[in-house]
Amino acid sequence: MELEEYFMTNSAGKLAARNKIAGGNRMELLLFRLRGKQLYGINVFKVKEIIPCPRLTNLPHHTAEVRGVAHVREGAISIVDLGMAIRQPPIENPRDHFVIVTEYNRRTQGFLVREVDRIVNIDWEEVHPPPKGSGKNSFLTAITQMDNQLIEIIDVEKIIASVDPLAQGVSSDILTDDIKAIANQFHILLVDDSSVARNQVERNLTETGINFTSLTNGREALDYLNSLADDGKNIAKEFLMIISDIEMPEMDGYTLTNRIKQDPRLCNLTVLLHSSLSGIFNEAMVKKVGANYFLAKYDADELARVIIGEIKKAAQAKR
């Protein structure tokens, strides 16, 4: 299927196809190039359309990576030079290239790329964390291989945070003294491969006063939970809840949730899926895998309200 046809596909048919892919611990990856032959990828689920780069209007007081604003179907959106965002030279003559229009963290934005290659379907087990030597300043969230070629999957949340930081703490009227006094009695398991996303949630949990353990992918989290269960721990008492991303190397959040809910030792653990993916697709998948909550990233107050609600329920149960 041509890329243009893919993004014009009937929405009901696309929803059914996406359910099948995600339910099988698989993903569709849009491949593109910035400079040279290196292939990069982002999850197709976050892509709204691919268009030739429209006319750009310069924006004052923006970082250099933002090449301007363009008018597309949703109205005016910022166009980020993805090459510049990962510390490459700017893409010359933008009008000769393409914009990938995406929806991340409840916002629509465009990413300028040199060329779009194709869409591939891969198993999350074939997607791995970036090499440890890549360092904390790396903009990679994962890597995979296809046809003997390395594909670098970009941490788009990190790029967005560097271009347009989201500085949002929990509102003081939500965090009451009563909650702060008892929050440290509870423990949350946080699972997210994006360092930026983990830091956002960790700040939220720290403000709330709750204890937490952070892990980086679904496979790591499931192994950790299984090891605790093997030691005779009551998982639902060990953790107030688990907050998990959906897109993660080796095992995605849907598969992790399904494994948790199918295991009698783990099934009572409350699961919140927290993702930059949004829309009706996720609502259907949340029901399918049995998650207790779904929240689109990132609203600090919204997340805090769910956590506080679980703290209140757990405190009431202790009485």
Protein backbone atom coordinates (compact mmCIF):
# COMPACT_ATOMS: atom_id res chain seq x y z
CA MET A 1 0.00 0.00 0.00
CA GLU A 2 1.30 3.46 -0.92
CA LEU A 3 1.86 5.84 1.98
CA GLU A 4 -0.82 8.24 0.73
CA GLU A 5 -3.34 5.40 0.55
CA TYR A 6 -2.44 4.19 4.03
CA PHE A 7 -3.25 7.51 5.68
CA MET A 8 -6.50 7.83 3.71
CA THR A 9 -7.68 4.34 4.74
CA ASN A 10 -11.18 4.10 6.24
CA SER A 11 -10.85 4.83 9.97
CA ALA A 12 -12.89 1.80 11.08
CA GLY A 13 -10.73 -0.53 9.01
CA LYS A 14 -7.57 1.09 10.29
CA LEU A 15 -8.77 0.76 13.90
CA ALA A 16 -9.38 -2.97 13.45
CA ALA A 17 -5.95 -3.44 11.87
CA ARG A 18 -4.23 -1.50 14.65
CA ASN A 19 -5.99 -3.54 17.32
CA LYS A 20 -4.69 -6.73 15.70
CA ILE A 21 -1.12 -5.40 15.44
CA ALA A 22 -0.88 -3.97 18.97
CA GLY A 23 -2.56 -7.00 20.51
CA GLY A 24 0.19 -9.16 19.06
CA ASN A 25 3.04 -7.11 20.59
CA ARG A 26 3.76 -5.64 17.17
CA MET A 27 4.03 -2.13 15.80
CA GLU A 28 4.04 -0.33 12.49
CA LEU A 29 7.07 1.88 12.01
CA LEU A 30 7.31 4.75 9.55
CA LEU A 31 10.84 4.89 8.16
CA PHE A 32 12.45 8.10 6.92
CA ARG A 33 15.83 9.68 6.26
CA LEU A 34 17.40 12.92 7.41
CA ARG A 35 20.92 12.83 5.95
CA GLY A 36 22.68 10.07 4.06
CA LYS A 37 21.41 6.49 4.08
CA GLN A 38 20.66 6.14 7.79
CA LEU A 39 17.05 5.09 8.43
CA TYR A 40 15.06 6.50 11.34
CA GLY A 41 11.63 5.47 12.58
CA ILE A 42 8.59 6.60 14.51
CA ASN A 43 5.41 4.72 15.37
CA VAL A 44 2.82 5.04 12.61
CA PHE A 45 0.08 5.27 15.25
CA LYS A 46 1.27 8.81 16.00
CA VAL A 47 1.34 9.93 12.37
CA LYS A 48 -1.69 11.79 11.02
CA GLU A 49 -0.42 12.42 7.49
CA ILE A 50 2.65 13.00 5.35
CA ILE A 51 2.70 16.11 3.16
CA PRO A 52 5.15 17.99 0.95
CA CYS A 53 6.58 20.79 3.06
CA PRO A 54 4.20 23.77 2.78
CA ARG A 55 5.17 27.41 2.85
CA LEU A 56 6.66 28.27 6.24
CA THR A 57 6.13 31.48 8.17
CA ASN A 58 9.01 32.43 10.44
CA LEU A 59 8.36 32.59 14.17
CA PRO A 60 10.21 35.07 16.40
CA HIS A 61 11.63 33.94 19.75
CA HIS A 62 11.63 30.23 18.89
CA THR A 63 14.50 27.80 18.96
CA ALA A 64 16.40 27.28 15.70
CA GLU A 65 14.93 23.80 15.28
CA VAL A 66 11.49 25.31 14.69
CA ARG A 67 11.74 26.27 11.03
CA GLY A 68 8.40 28.07 11.06
CA VAL A 69 4.64 27.68 11.15
CA ALA A 70 2.57 26.09 8.40
CA HIS A 71 -1.17 26.01 7.77
CA VAL A 72 -2.47 22.45 7.42
CA ARG A 73 -5.86 20.87 8.05
CA GLU A 74 -5.79 21.47 11.80
CA GLY A 75 -4.77 25.09 11.37
CA ALA A 76 -1.36 26.53 12.17
CA ILE A 77 1.24 24.05 13.46
CA SER A 78 4.94 24.35 14.24
CA ILE A 79 7.34 22.62 11.87
CA VAL A 80 10.41 21.18 13.61
CA ASP A 81 13.53 20.31 11.62
CA LEU A 82 14.05 16.79 12.95
CA GLY A 83 17.68 16.73 11.78
CA MET A 84 18.53 19.89 13.73
CA ALA A 85 16.66 18.52 16.75
CA ILE A 86 19.06 15.57 16.93
CA ARG A 87 22.12 17.80 16.41
CA GLN A 88 22.52 17.45 12.65
CA PRO A 89 22.87 20.32 10.16
CA PRO A 90 19.58 21.88 9.01
CA ILE A 91 17.70 20.45 6.05
CA GLU A 92 18.30 22.73 3.10
CA ASN A 93 15.45 23.97 0.89
CA PRO A 94 12.58 22.70 3.09
CA ARG A 95 10.01 23.08 0.30
CA ASP A 96 11.79 20.26 -1.58
CA HIS A 97 11.20 17.82 1.27
CA PHE A 98 8.44 16.39 3.48
CA VAL A 99 6.62 17.02 6.75
CA ILE A 100 5.38 14.19 8.96
CA VAL A 101 2.31 15.55 10.77
CA THR A 102 1.99 13.86 14.17
CA GLU A 103 0.02 13.98 17.38
CA TYR A 104 2.08 13.66 20.56
CA ASN A 105 1.09 14.58 24.07
CA ARG A 106 -2.25 16.00 22.94
CA ARG A 107 -0.56 18.37 20.51
CA THR A 108 -0.26 18.33 16.73
CA GLN A 109 3.12 19.20 15.25
CA GLY A 110 5.03 18.65 12.05
CA PHE A 111 8.52 17.20 11.61
CA LEU A 112 10.57 18.17 8.59
CA VAL A 113 12.47 15.21 7.08
CA ARG A 114 14.46 14.79 3.88
CA GLU A 115 12.52 11.81 2.55
CA VAL A 116 10.01 9.20 3.68
CA ASP A 117 10.88 5.59 2.92
CA ARG A 118 8.14 3.09 3.81
CA ILE A 119 6.04 1.54 6.58
CA VAL A 120 7.18 -1.74 8.13
CA ASN A 121 5.53 -4.10 10.59
CA ILE A 122 7.85 -5.38 13.31
CA ASP A 123 7.69 -7.34 16.55
CA TRP A 124 8.44 -5.37 19.72
CA GLU A 125 10.72 -8.23 20.77
CA GLU A 126 12.98 -7.22 17.86
CA VAL A 127 13.20 -3.65 19.18
CA HIS A 128 15.93 -3.04 21.76
CA PRO A 129 17.12 -0.18 23.98
CA PRO A 130 19.88 1.96 22.46
CA PRO A 131 23.48 1.04 23.27
CA LYS A 132 24.51 2.08 26.76
CA GLY A 133 27.36 4.12 25.33
CA SER A 134 24.93 6.41 23.51
CA GLY A 135 24.72 8.58 26.64
CA LYS A 136 21.96 10.55 28.33
CA ASN A 137 21.99 13.21 25.60
CA SER A 138 21.07 10.70 22.89
CA PHE A 139 17.77 11.27 21.11
CA LEU A 140 17.29 7.54 20.49
CA THR A 141 14.70 5.58 22.43
CA ALA A 142 15.31 2.24 20.71
CA ILE A 143 16.96 0.46 17.78
CA THR A 144 16.02 -2.41 15.51
CA GLN A 145 17.25 -4.04 12.32
CA MET A 146 15.63 -4.83 9.01
CA ASP A 147 17.25 -6.22 5.88
CA ASN A 148 20.63 -5.99 7.66
CA GLN A 149 20.19 -2.25 8.14
CA LEU A 150 20.10 -0.50 11.51
CA ILE A 151 16.97 1.54 12.21
CA GLU A 152 17.19 4.21 14.89
CA ILE A 153 13.89 4.99 16.64
CA ILE A 154 13.77 8.58 17.80
CA ASP A 155 12.58 9.67 21.25
CA VAL A 156 10.14 12.27 19.95
CA GLU A 157 8.98 13.16 23.46
CA LYS A 158 12.54 14.21 24.28
CA ILE A 159 12.72 16.33 21.14
CA ILE A 160 9.42 18.05 21.90
CA ALA A 161 10.56 18.72 25.46
CA SER A 162 13.80 20.30 24.20
CA VAL A 163 11.99 22.52 21.68
CA ASP A 164 8.88 23.38 23.70
CA PRO A 165 9.41 22.41 27.36
CA LEU A 166 6.37 21.36 29.36
CA ALA A 167 6.93 22.73 32.85
CA GLN A 168 3.91 21.55 34.77
CA GLY A 169 3.70 20.62 38.42
CA VAL A 170 0.77 19.34 40.43
CA SER A 171 -1.64 22.10 41.52
CA SER A 172 -1.48 22.89 45.22
CA ASP A 173 -5.25 22.54 45.66
CA ILE A 174 -5.07 18.87 44.55
CA LEU A 175 -2.33 17.84 46.98
CA THR A 176 -3.91 18.22 50.39
CA ASP A 177 -2.04 17.83 53.66
CA ASP A 178 -4.05 14.66 54.40
CA ILE A 179 -2.80 13.02 51.20
CA LYS A 180 0.80 14.11 51.77
CA ALA A 181 0.66 12.64 55.28
CA ILE A 182 -0.18 9.13 54.07
CA ALA A 183 1.30 8.99 50.55
CA ASN A 184 4.64 7.60 51.69
CA GLN A 185 2.89 4.43 52.88
CA PHE A 186 2.41 3.43 49.25
CA HIS A 187 4.59 2.36 46.33
CA ILE A 188 4.11 2.73 42.57
CA LEU A 189 5.86 0.85 39.77
CA LEU A 190 6.63 3.19 36.85
CA VAL A 191 7.57 1.78 33.44
CA ASP A 192 8.64 4.01 30.53
CA ASP A 193 11.51 3.87 28.06
CA SER A 194 11.60 7.64 27.50
CA SER A 195 13.83 9.40 30.04
CA VAL A 196 11.84 12.62 29.58
CA ALA A 197 8.52 10.90 30.25
CA ARG A 198 9.94 9.07 33.28
CA ASN A 199 11.27 12.31 34.71
CA GLN A 200 7.88 14.01 34.28
CA VAL A 201 6.06 11.25 36.15
CA GLU A 202 8.79 10.91 38.79
CA ARG A 203 8.45 14.64 39.57
CA ASN A 204 4.72 14.12 39.95
CA LEU A 205 5.19 11.18 42.30
CA THR A 206 7.84 13.03 44.31
CA GLU A 207 5.50 16.02 44.74
CA THR A 208 2.77 13.64 45.91
CA GLY A 209 5.18 12.02 48.37
CA ILE A 210 4.66 8.46 47.19
CA ASN A 211 7.48 5.92 46.82
CA PHE A 212 8.25 4.58 43.36
CA THR A 213 10.42 2.17 41.40
CA SER A 214 11.24 3.06 37.78
CA LEU A 215 11.91 0.55 35.00
CA THR A 216 12.44 1.03 31.28
CA ASN A 217 10.39 -1.56 29.38
CA GLY A 218 7.60 -4.09 29.67
CA ARG A 219 9.87 -7.13 29.64
CA GLU A 220 11.92 -5.75 32.53
CA ALA A 221 8.74 -4.92 34.47
CA LEU A 222 7.16 -8.34 33.95
CA ASP A 223 10.36 -10.13 35.00
CA TYR A 224 10.54 -7.93 38.11
CA LEU A 225 6.92 -8.62 39.07
CA ASN A 226 7.34 -12.35 38.46
CA SER A 227 10.44 -12.45 40.65
CA LEU A 228 8.55 -10.78 43.50
CA ALA A 229 5.63 -13.18 43.06
CA ASP A 230 8.04 -16.13 43.03
CA ASP A 231 9.33 -14.92 46.39
CA GLY A 232 5.79 -15.08 47.77
CA LYS A 233 5.05 -11.34 47.68
CA ASN A 234 1.44 -10.16 47.37
CA ILE A 235 1.84 -7.89 44.36
CA ALA A 236 -1.38 -5.95 44.91
CA LYS A 237 -0.14 -5.09 48.41
CA GLU A 238 3.42 -4.35 47.32
CA PHE A 239 2.27 -1.73 44.79
CA LEU A 240 -0.56 0.74 44.83
CA MET A 241 -0.54 0.56 41.04
CA ILE A 242 1.63 0.33 37.96
CA ILE A 243 1.93 3.28 35.56
CA SER A 244 3.13 2.05 32.19
CA ASP A 245 3.92 3.59 28.84
CA ILE A 246 2.55 1.77 25.78
CA GLU A 247 5.40 2.02 23.26
CA MET A 248 8.44 0.24 24.70
CA PRO A 249 11.17 -1.99 23.31
CA GLU A 250 11.00 -5.75 23.86
CA MET A 251 7.43 -5.69 25.28
CA ASP A 252 4.82 -2.99 24.85
CA GLY A 253 2.39 -1.78 27.51
CA TYR A 254 -0.58 -3.60 26.02
CA THR A 255 1.22 -6.94 26.17
CA LEU A 256 2.52 -6.21 29.67
CA THR A 257 -1.00 -5.41 30.86
CA ASN A 258 -2.43 -8.53 29.26
CA ARG A 259 0.24 -10.70 30.92
CA ILE A 260 -0.45 -9.08 34.30
CA LYS A 261 -4.19 -9.56 34.06
CA GLN A 262 -3.85 -13.19 32.92
CA ASP A 263 -1.61 -14.17 35.85
CA PRO A 264 -3.53 -15.02 39.06
CA ARG A 265 -0.59 -13.78 41.14
CA LEU A 266 -0.56 -10.36 39.45
CA CYS A 267 -4.10 -9.79 38.20
CA ASN A 268 -5.25 -7.63 41.14
CA LEU A 269 -2.59 -5.02 40.40
CA THR A 270 -4.15 -1.75 39.19
CA VAL A 271 -2.77 -0.77 35.77
CA LEU A 272 -2.72 2.75 34.32
CA LEU A 273 -1.56 3.00 30.71
CA HIS A 274 0.03 6.41 30.17
CA SER A 275 0.92 7.25 26.61
CA SER A 276 1.51 9.98 24.06
CA LEU A 277 -0.71 7.86 21.81
CA SER A 278 -4.27 9.09 22.02
CA GLY A 279 -7.72 8.63 20.56
CA ILE A 280 -10.36 5.95 20.09
CA PHE A 281 -7.76 3.31 19.21
CA ASN A 282 -6.36 3.34 22.73
CA GLU A 283 -9.79 3.28 24.35
CA ALA A 284 -10.52 0.04 22.49
CA MET A 285 -7.17 -1.50 23.38
CA VAL A 286 -7.44 -0.54 27.06
CA LYS A 287 -10.69 -2.49 27.28
CA LYS A 288 -9.24 -5.39 25.33
CA VAL A 289 -6.20 -5.92 27.57
CA GLY A 290 -7.99 -5.11 30.85
CA ALA A 291 -6.18 -1.96 31.98
CA ASN A 292 -7.92 -0.03 34.75
CA TYR A 293 -7.10 3.42 33.38
CA PHE A 294 -5.79 5.17 30.29
CA LEU A 295 -4.37 8.70 30.32
CA ALA A 296 -2.86 10.58 27.41
CA LYS A 297 0.43 12.28 28.28
CA TYR A 298 0.97 14.66 29.88
CA ASP A 299 -1.29 16.42 32.36
CA ALA A 300 0.21 16.53 35.85
CA ASP A 301 -3.07 17.25 37.61
CA GLU A 302 -4.96 14.54 35.73
CA LEU A 303 -2.34 11.94 36.65
CA ALA A 304 -2.21 13.14 40.25
CA ARG A 305 -6.00 12.84 40.60
CA VAL A 306 -5.90 9.17 39.57
CA ILE A 307 -3.02 8.44 41.96
CA ILE A 308 -4.72 10.29 44.82
CA GLY A 309 -7.94 8.41 44.15
CA GLU A 310 -6.06 5.11 44.47
CA ILE A 311 -4.35 6.31 47.66
CA LYS A 312 -7.73 7.16 49.19
CA LYS A 313 -9.20 3.77 48.25
CA ALA A 314 -6.17 1.92 49.66
CA ALA A 315 -6.18 3.98 52.88
CA GLN A 316 -9.90 3.30 53.34
CA ALA A 317 -9.32 -0.43 52.85
CA LYS A 318 -6.70 -0.41 55.62
CA ARG A 319 -9.14 0.92 58.20
